[in-house]
Amino acid sequence: MCGVALAFALAITPASYSDAAPAPAARAEAPHSVAGEPLYADIIRRAQKLEAEVAALRTPDRKASATAAPLPGFDRIKAEAAQLAELDMQGHRDLAARGTDGDLKCILRGISEDMAGKLAAVEAATTGPSQDVALDELRHLLIDNREVITAPPAPPA
């Protein structure tokens, strides 16, 4: 439909307008990385810290246990992960307010929404191996949280 309108507009344009030099084509540039901005640097720092703490809970004894074992410090980890999820959503809203139409905006929202489920899966685990799997999935979400922000932004397609 836009093509038909453009063709019509060009057909009725006086020759004096159509002889003008064409405007230079807009150059697609890579989006600006937000990794160094305070909000996103804080998300990276928190995700990295939590990832290390969650990784430390994955022990050989836990993996071999027939029952779920206590997770020292998990209440604090859970609270900090909930704060991180809020920061991820804040990042999503910030990028949306900027008019950013990139993947990062959507991924931050997805991570924010997935965090509660990953935490609940850890708490619901009833065996050592299921606890280990749930901890590993939470750890991977935290790694993704960090890496998606630090990855170089790609130019628009």
C-alpha atoms as a PDB file:
ATOM      1  CA  MET A   1       0.000   0.000   0.000  1.00  0.00           C
ATOM      2  CA  CYS A   2       2.833   2.415   0.856  1.00  0.00           C
ATOM      3  CA  GLY A   3       4.498   1.621  -2.470  1.00  0.00           C
ATOM      4  CA  VAL A   4       1.351   2.532  -4.412  1.00  0.00           C
ATOM      5  CA  ALA A   5       1.048   5.829  -2.540  1.00  0.00           C
ATOM      6  CA  LEU A   6       4.702   6.621  -3.186  1.00  0.00           C
ATOM      7  CA  ALA A   7       4.365   5.810  -6.888  1.00  0.00           C
ATOM      8  CA  PHE A   8       1.309   8.044  -7.133  1.00  0.00           C
ATOM      9  CA  ALA A   9       3.061  10.891  -5.314  1.00  0.00           C
ATOM     10  CA  LEU A  10       6.052  10.637  -7.642  1.00  0.00           C
ATOM     11  CA  ALA A  11       3.815  10.556 -10.719  1.00  0.00           C
ATOM     12  CA  ILE A  12       2.090  13.820  -9.815  1.00  0.00           C
ATOM     13  CA  THR A  13       5.232  15.620  -8.596  1.00  0.00           C
ATOM     14  CA  PRO A  14       6.335  18.447 -10.926  1.00  0.00           C
ATOM     15  CA  ALA A  15       9.567  17.776 -12.810  1.00  0.00           C
ATOM     16  CA  SER A  16      11.376  20.611 -11.034  1.00  0.00           C
ATOM     17  CA  TYR A  17      11.053  18.714  -7.725  1.00  0.00           C
ATOM     18  CA  SER A  18      12.030  15.339  -9.121  1.00  0.00           C
ATOM     19  CA  ASP A  19      15.246  16.713 -10.697  1.00  0.00           C
ATOM     20  CA  ALA A  20      16.637  17.605  -7.296  1.00  0.00           C
ATOM     21  CA  ALA A  21      19.589  15.569  -6.052  1.00  0.00           C
ATOM     22  CA  PRO A  22      18.507  12.613  -3.954  1.00  0.00           C
ATOM     23  CA  ALA A  23      19.010  12.891  -0.205  1.00  0.00           C
ATOM     24  CA  PRO A  24      21.887  10.816   1.134  1.00  0.00           C
ATOM     25  CA  ALA A  25      20.817   7.424   2.446  1.00  0.00           C
ATOM     26  CA  ALA A  26      20.628   7.097   6.206  1.00  0.00           C
ATOM     27  CA  ARG A  27      23.484   5.046   7.566  1.00  0.00           C
ATOM     28  CA  ALA A  28      22.588   2.225   9.932  1.00  0.00           C
ATOM     29  CA  GLU A  29      24.753   2.463  13.010  1.00  0.00           C
ATOM     30  CA  ALA A  30      25.200  -0.007  15.827  1.00  0.00           C
ATOM     31  CA  PRO A  31      23.087   0.898  18.856  1.00  0.00           C
ATOM     32  CA  HIS A  32      24.841   2.405  21.839  1.00  0.00           C
ATOM     33  CA  SER A  33      25.905  -0.112  24.503  1.00  0.00           C
ATOM     34  CA  VAL A  34      24.236   0.535  27.838  1.00  0.00           C
ATOM     35  CA  ALA A  35      26.618  -1.702  29.811  1.00  0.00           C
ATOM     36  CA  GLY A  36      28.509   1.250  31.272  1.00  0.00           C
ATOM     37  CA  GLU A  37      25.422   3.149  32.405  1.00  0.00           C
ATOM     38  CA  PRO A  38      24.820   2.984  36.189  1.00  0.00           C
ATOM     39  CA  LEU A  39      21.575   0.959  36.108  1.00  0.00           C
ATOM     40  CA  TYR A  40      22.938  -1.654  33.733  1.00  0.00           C
ATOM     41  CA  ALA A  41      26.354  -1.812  35.429  1.00  0.00           C
ATOM     42  CA  ASP A  42      24.505  -2.483  38.702  1.00  0.00           C
ATOM     43  CA  ILE A  43      22.479  -5.272  37.072  1.00  0.00           C
ATOM     44  CA  ILE A  44      25.697  -6.829  35.742  1.00  0.00           C
ATOM     45  CA  ARG A  45      27.415  -6.615  39.139  1.00  0.00           C
ATOM     46  CA  ARG A  46      24.451  -8.085  41.027  1.00  0.00           C
ATOM     47  CA  ALA A  47      23.886 -10.889  38.526  1.00  0.00           C
ATOM     48  CA  GLN A  48      27.559 -11.858  38.623  1.00  0.00           C
ATOM     49  CA  LYS A  49      27.609 -11.898  42.441  1.00  0.00           C
ATOM     50  CA  LEU A  50      24.431 -13.992  42.663  1.00  0.00           C
ATOM     51  CA  GLU A  51      25.650 -16.373  39.967  1.00  0.00           C
ATOM     52  CA  ALA A  52      28.775 -17.112  42.028  1.00  0.00           C
ATOM     53  CA  GLU A  53      26.725 -17.637  45.189  1.00  0.00           C
ATOM     54  CA  VAL A  54      24.277 -19.971  43.452  1.00  0.00           C
ATOM     55  CA  ALA A  55      27.163 -21.893  41.869  1.00  0.00           C
ATOM     56  CA  ALA A  56      28.680 -22.382  45.346  1.00  0.00           C
ATOM     57  CA  LEU A  57      25.471 -24.121  46.495  1.00  0.00           C
ATOM     58  CA  ARG A  58      25.925 -26.813  43.816  1.00  0.00           C
ATOM     59  CA  THR A  59      28.038 -29.352  45.684  1.00  0.00           C
ATOM     60  CA  PRO A  60      28.768 -33.039  44.995  1.00  0.00           C
ATOM     61  CA  ASP A  61      27.014 -33.953  48.269  1.00  0.00           C
ATOM     62  CA  ARG A  62      23.855 -32.135  47.173  1.00  0.00           C
ATOM     63  CA  LYS A  63      23.865 -33.892  43.800  1.00  0.00           C
ATOM     64  CA  ALA A  64      24.072 -37.287  45.527  1.00  0.00           C
ATOM     65  CA  SER A  65      21.486 -36.610  48.238  1.00  0.00           C
ATOM     66  CA  ALA A  66      18.178 -38.499  48.107  1.00  0.00           C
ATOM     67  CA  THR A  67      16.453 -35.556  49.766  1.00  0.00           C
ATOM     68  CA  ALA A  68      16.700 -31.815  49.365  1.00  0.00           C
ATOM     69  CA  ALA A  69      19.252 -30.323  51.731  1.00  0.00           C
ATOM     70  CA  PRO A  70      19.103 -26.889  53.350  1.00  0.00           C
ATOM     71  CA  LEU A  71      20.485 -24.084  51.221  1.00  0.00           C
ATOM     72  CA  PRO A  72      22.587 -21.803  53.432  1.00  0.00           C
ATOM     73  CA  GLY A  73      21.895 -18.164  52.642  1.00  0.00           C
ATOM     74  CA  PHE A  74      19.167 -18.918  50.104  1.00  0.00           C
ATOM     75  CA  ASP A  75      16.658 -16.549  51.730  1.00  0.00           C
ATOM     76  CA  ARG A  76      19.110 -13.690  51.170  1.00  0.00           C
ATOM     77  CA  ILE A  77      19.855 -14.888  47.616  1.00  0.00           C
ATOM     78  CA  LYS A  78      16.124 -15.035  46.940  1.00  0.00           C
ATOM     79  CA  ALA A  79      15.610 -11.482  48.205  1.00  0.00           C
ATOM     80  CA  GLU A  80      18.545 -10.163  46.165  1.00  0.00           C
ATOM     81  CA  ALA A  81      17.342 -12.024  43.065  1.00  0.00           C
ATOM     82  CA  ALA A  82      13.906 -10.413  43.478  1.00  0.00           C
ATOM     83  CA  GLN A  83      15.605  -6.995  43.638  1.00  0.00           C
ATOM     84  CA  LEU A  84      17.581  -7.886  40.516  1.00  0.00           C
ATOM     85  CA  ALA A  85      14.349  -8.825  38.730  1.00  0.00           C
ATOM     86  CA  GLU A  86      12.963  -5.386  39.620  1.00  0.00           C
ATOM     87  CA  LEU A  87      16.084  -3.744  38.181  1.00  0.00           C
ATOM     88  CA  ASP A  88      15.702  -5.814  35.017  1.00  0.00           C
ATOM     89  CA  MET A  89      12.135  -4.563  34.651  1.00  0.00           C
ATOM     90  CA  GLN A  90      13.356  -1.022  35.312  1.00  0.00           C
ATOM     91  CA  GLY A  91      15.884  -1.515  32.503  1.00  0.00           C
ATOM     92  CA  HIS A  92      13.109  -2.765  30.228  1.00  0.00           C
ATOM     93  CA  ARG A  93      11.012   0.327  30.996  1.00  0.00           C
ATOM     94  CA  ASP A  94      14.035   2.612  30.509  1.00  0.00           C
ATOM     95  CA  LEU A  95      14.779   1.175  27.076  1.00  0.00           C
ATOM     96  CA  ALA A  96      11.094   1.321  26.129  1.00  0.00           C
ATOM     97  CA  ALA A  97      10.967   4.996  27.148  1.00  0.00           C
ATOM     98  CA  ARG A  98      13.976   5.680  24.909  1.00  0.00           C
ATOM     99  CA  GLY A  99      12.079   4.148  22.002  1.00  0.00           C
ATOM    100  CA  THR A 100      14.560   1.312  21.734  1.00  0.00           C
ATOM    101  CA  ASP A 101      13.231  -1.471  19.569  1.00  0.00           C
ATOM    102  CA  GLY A 102      16.030  -3.947  20.245  1.00  0.00           C
ATOM    103  CA  ASP A 103      16.209  -7.388  21.754  1.00  0.00           C
ATOM    104  CA  LEU A 104      17.716  -6.203  25.048  1.00  0.00           C
ATOM    105  CA  LYS A 105      14.491  -4.501  26.100  1.00  0.00           C
ATOM    106  CA  CYS A 106      12.497  -7.709  25.613  1.00  0.00           C
ATOM    107  CA  ILE A 107      15.143  -9.988  27.100  1.00  0.00           C
ATOM    108  CA  LEU A 108      15.362  -7.920  30.292  1.00  0.00           C
ATOM    109  CA  ARG A 109      11.605  -8.174  30.686  1.00  0.00           C
ATOM    110  CA  GLY A 110      11.741 -11.932  30.111  1.00  0.00           C
ATOM    111  CA  ILE A 111      14.507 -12.395  32.670  1.00  0.00           C
ATOM    112  CA  SER A 112      12.575 -10.302  35.168  1.00  0.00           C
ATOM    113  CA  GLU A 113       9.497 -12.445  34.670  1.00  0.00           C
ATOM    114  CA  ASP A 114      11.446 -15.752  34.741  1.00  0.00           C
ATOM    115  CA  MET A 115      13.332 -15.027  37.969  1.00  0.00           C
ATOM    116  CA  ALA A 116      10.434 -15.842  40.323  1.00  0.00           C
ATOM    117  CA  GLY A 117       9.826 -19.167  38.603  1.00  0.00           C
ATOM    118  CA  LYS A 118      13.477 -20.189  38.839  1.00  0.00           C
ATOM    119  CA  LEU A 119      13.549 -19.286  42.539  1.00  0.00           C
ATOM    120  CA  ALA A 120      10.309 -21.211  43.150  1.00  0.00           C
ATOM    121  CA  ALA A 121      11.747 -24.263  41.370  1.00  0.00           C
ATOM    122  CA  VAL A 122      14.732 -24.266  43.737  1.00  0.00           C
ATOM    123  CA  GLU A 123      12.417 -24.118  46.737  1.00  0.00           C
ATOM    124  CA  ALA A 124      10.116 -26.824  45.344  1.00  0.00           C
ATOM    125  CA  ALA A 125      12.911 -29.327  44.675  1.00  0.00           C
ATOM    126  CA  THR A 126      12.556 -32.459  46.811  1.00  0.00           C
ATOM    127  CA  THR A 127      15.773 -34.323  46.019  1.00  0.00           C
ATOM    128  CA  GLY A 128      19.414 -33.328  45.840  1.00  0.00           C
ATOM    129  CA  PRO A 129      19.601 -33.883  42.080  1.00  0.00           C
ATOM    130  CA  SER A 130      16.413 -31.873  41.444  1.00  0.00           C
ATOM    131  CA  GLN A 131      17.760 -29.121  43.685  1.00  0.00           C
ATOM    132  CA  ASP A 132      20.999 -29.124  41.709  1.00  0.00           C
ATOM    133  CA  VAL A 133      19.155 -28.858  38.386  1.00  0.00           C
ATOM    134  CA  ALA A 134      17.004 -25.995  39.679  1.00  0.00           C
ATOM    135  CA  LEU A 135      20.085 -24.192  41.019  1.00  0.00           C
ATOM    136  CA  ASP A 136      21.837 -24.662  37.687  1.00  0.00           C
ATOM    137  CA  GLU A 137      18.863 -23.224  35.791  1.00  0.00           C
ATOM    138  CA  LEU A 138      18.834 -20.217  38.135  1.00  0.00           C
ATOM    139  CA  ARG A 139      22.595 -19.838  37.623  1.00  0.00           C
ATOM    140  CA  HIS A 140      22.165 -19.856  33.839  1.00  0.00           C
ATOM    141  CA  LEU A 141      19.475 -17.187  34.050  1.00  0.00           C
ATOM    142  CA  LEU A 142      21.871 -15.029  36.068  1.00  0.00           C
ATOM    143  CA  ILE A 143      24.642 -15.617  33.512  1.00  0.00           C
ATOM    144  CA  ASP A 144      22.247 -14.661  30.710  1.00  0.00           C
ATOM    145  CA  ASN A 145      21.296 -11.541  32.659  1.00  0.00           C
ATOM    146  CA  ARG A 146      24.908 -10.398  32.692  1.00  0.00           C
ATOM    147  CA  GLU A 147      25.874 -11.504  29.201  1.00  0.00           C
ATOM    148  CA  VAL A 148      22.912  -9.991  27.381  1.00  0.00           C
ATOM    149  CA  ILE A 149      23.907  -6.547  28.646  1.00  0.00           C
ATOM    150  CA  THR A 150      27.642  -6.941  28.019  1.00  0.00           C
ATOM    151  CA  ALA A 151      27.260  -8.387  24.520  1.00  0.00           C
ATOM    152  CA  PRO A 152      28.120  -5.840  21.825  1.00  0.00           C
ATOM    153  CA  PRO A 153      24.908  -4.384  20.397  1.00  0.00           C
ATOM    154  CA  ALA A 154      24.167  -5.359  16.813  1.00  0.00           C
ATOM    155  CA  PRO A 155      23.163  -2.809  14.181  1.00  0.00           C
ATOM    156  CA  PRO A 156      19.503  -2.866  13.142  1.00  0.00           C
ATOM    157  CA  ALA A 157      18.708  -5.287  10.345  1.00  0.00           C
END
